[in-house]
Amino acid sequence: MDIYHIIKRPLVTEKGTHMAGQSHAATASSPARGGAYSFEVHRQACKPAIKQAIEKIYNVKVLTVRTATRKGKTRRVRYKVGKTPDWKKAVVVLHADHHIDLF
């Protein structure tokens, strides 16, 4: 799978903008880290592939990747019941010296 097909779009929400602005100092047990950025990714993408795609596309250093598969919602369209597609969300935590300008 191509790196440009792994990352579908950034999720620019109020919560995501707040998480991107927060950074944490180093402690005895963990290094300093920058903000966390959310992306919609391909449902078959694994964490190492997501990390590699973000590092190459945005030229940043990724510390961790958290993923969650979101279920689609049931929607009513006229007289029938439909369903929005399932999707995968990835939260990427960057190194303290890096940031992404989209947010």
Protein backbone atom coordinates (compact mmCIF):
# COMPACT_ATOMS: atom_id res chain seq x y z
CA MET A 1 0.00 0.00 0.00
CA ASP A 2 1.30 3.46 -0.95
CA ILE A 3 1.98 5.96 1.87
CA TYR A 4 -0.39 8.45 0.27
CA HIS A 5 -3.21 5.88 0.42
CA ILE A 6 -2.58 5.09 4.09
CA ILE A 7 -3.31 8.63 5.31
CA LYS A 8 -6.75 9.73 4.09
CA ARG A 9 -7.13 13.11 5.81
CA PRO A 10 -6.26 14.98 9.00
CA LEU A 11 -9.07 15.25 11.54
CA VAL A 12 -9.26 18.95 12.38
CA THR A 13 -11.65 19.14 15.32
CA GLU A 14 -11.80 21.22 18.47
CA LYS A 15 -10.42 18.37 20.56
CA GLY A 16 -7.72 17.58 18.00
CA THR A 17 -6.58 21.20 17.86
CA HIS A 18 -6.35 21.27 21.66
CA MET A 19 -4.32 18.02 21.72
CA ALA A 20 -1.97 19.34 19.02
CA GLY A 21 -1.18 22.42 21.09
CA GLN A 22 -0.25 20.50 24.22
CA SER A 23 3.28 19.29 24.81
CA HIS A 24 4.75 17.56 27.84
CA ALA A 25 8.13 17.89 29.49
CA ALA A 26 10.42 14.96 30.12
CA THR A 27 10.07 12.92 33.31
CA ALA A 28 12.30 10.29 34.84
CA SER A 29 10.43 7.50 33.07
CA SER A 30 9.48 9.11 29.74
CA PRO A 31 11.10 11.51 27.25
CA ALA A 32 9.65 14.89 26.31
CA ARG A 33 6.91 14.73 23.71
CA GLY A 34 5.15 17.15 21.46
CA GLY A 35 1.49 17.38 20.55
CA ALA A 36 -0.85 14.62 19.39
CA TYR A 37 -2.38 14.83 15.90
CA SER A 38 -5.40 12.87 14.63
CA PHE A 39 -5.77 11.38 11.16
CA GLU A 40 -8.29 9.23 9.34
CA VAL A 41 -6.34 6.29 7.94
CA HIS A 42 -6.99 3.26 5.73
CA ARG A 43 -8.75 0.49 7.65
CA GLN A 44 -6.07 -2.09 6.77
CA ALA A 45 -3.13 0.12 7.84
CA CYS A 46 -0.99 -1.05 10.76
CA LYS A 47 0.83 1.15 13.27
CA PRO A 48 4.34 0.86 11.72
CA ALA A 49 2.95 1.74 8.29
CA ILE A 50 1.09 4.76 9.71
CA LYS A 51 4.25 5.91 11.51
CA GLN A 52 6.34 5.61 8.34
CA ALA A 53 3.75 7.45 6.23
CA ILE A 54 3.46 10.38 8.67
CA GLU A 55 7.25 10.68 8.96
CA LYS A 56 7.74 10.75 5.18
CA ILE A 57 4.78 12.98 4.26
CA TYR A 58 5.19 15.62 6.99
CA ASN A 59 8.96 15.24 7.66
CA VAL A 60 8.56 14.83 11.44
CA LYS A 61 9.69 12.30 14.08
CA VAL A 62 6.86 10.15 15.47
CA LEU A 63 7.09 8.74 19.00
CA THR A 64 3.89 6.70 19.28
CA VAL A 65 0.79 5.81 17.27
CA ARG A 66 -2.60 4.97 18.82
CA THR A 67 -5.38 3.57 16.64
CA ALA A 68 -9.11 3.01 17.04
CA THR A 69 -11.59 1.45 14.63
CA ARG A 70 -14.81 3.47 14.63
CA LYS A 71 -18.12 1.84 13.77
CA GLY A 72 -20.35 3.51 11.22
CA LYS A 73 -23.61 5.08 12.36
CA THR A 74 -27.06 3.93 11.36
CA ARG A 75 -28.83 6.58 9.29
CA ARG A 76 -32.35 6.73 7.93
CA VAL A 77 -32.73 7.76 4.30
CA ARG A 78 -36.38 8.25 3.34
CA TYR A 79 -38.05 4.91 4.07
CA LYS A 80 -34.91 2.78 4.33
CA VAL A 81 -32.25 2.38 6.98
CA GLY A 82 -28.65 2.76 5.84
CA LYS A 83 -25.28 2.76 7.51
CA THR A 84 -22.26 5.02 7.17
CA PRO A 85 -18.98 3.16 6.58
CA ASP A 86 -16.67 2.04 9.38
CA TRP A 87 -13.40 3.99 9.58
CA LYS A 88 -10.08 3.97 11.42
CA LYS A 89 -8.64 6.84 13.44
CA ALA A 90 -4.96 7.23 14.28
CA VAL A 91 -3.59 9.57 16.97
CA VAL A 92 0.08 10.31 16.33
CA VAL A 93 2.32 11.71 19.10
CA LEU A 94 5.35 13.62 17.84
CA HIS A 95 8.79 14.28 19.24
CA ALA A 96 8.98 17.53 21.25
CA ASP A 97 11.07 19.30 18.58
CA HIS A 98 8.57 18.67 15.76
CA HIS A 99 5.07 19.89 14.87
CA ILE A 100 2.68 19.83 11.91
CA ASP A 101 1.47 23.19 10.60
CA LEU A 102 -1.96 21.96 9.47
CA PHE A 103 -3.51 22.34 12.92
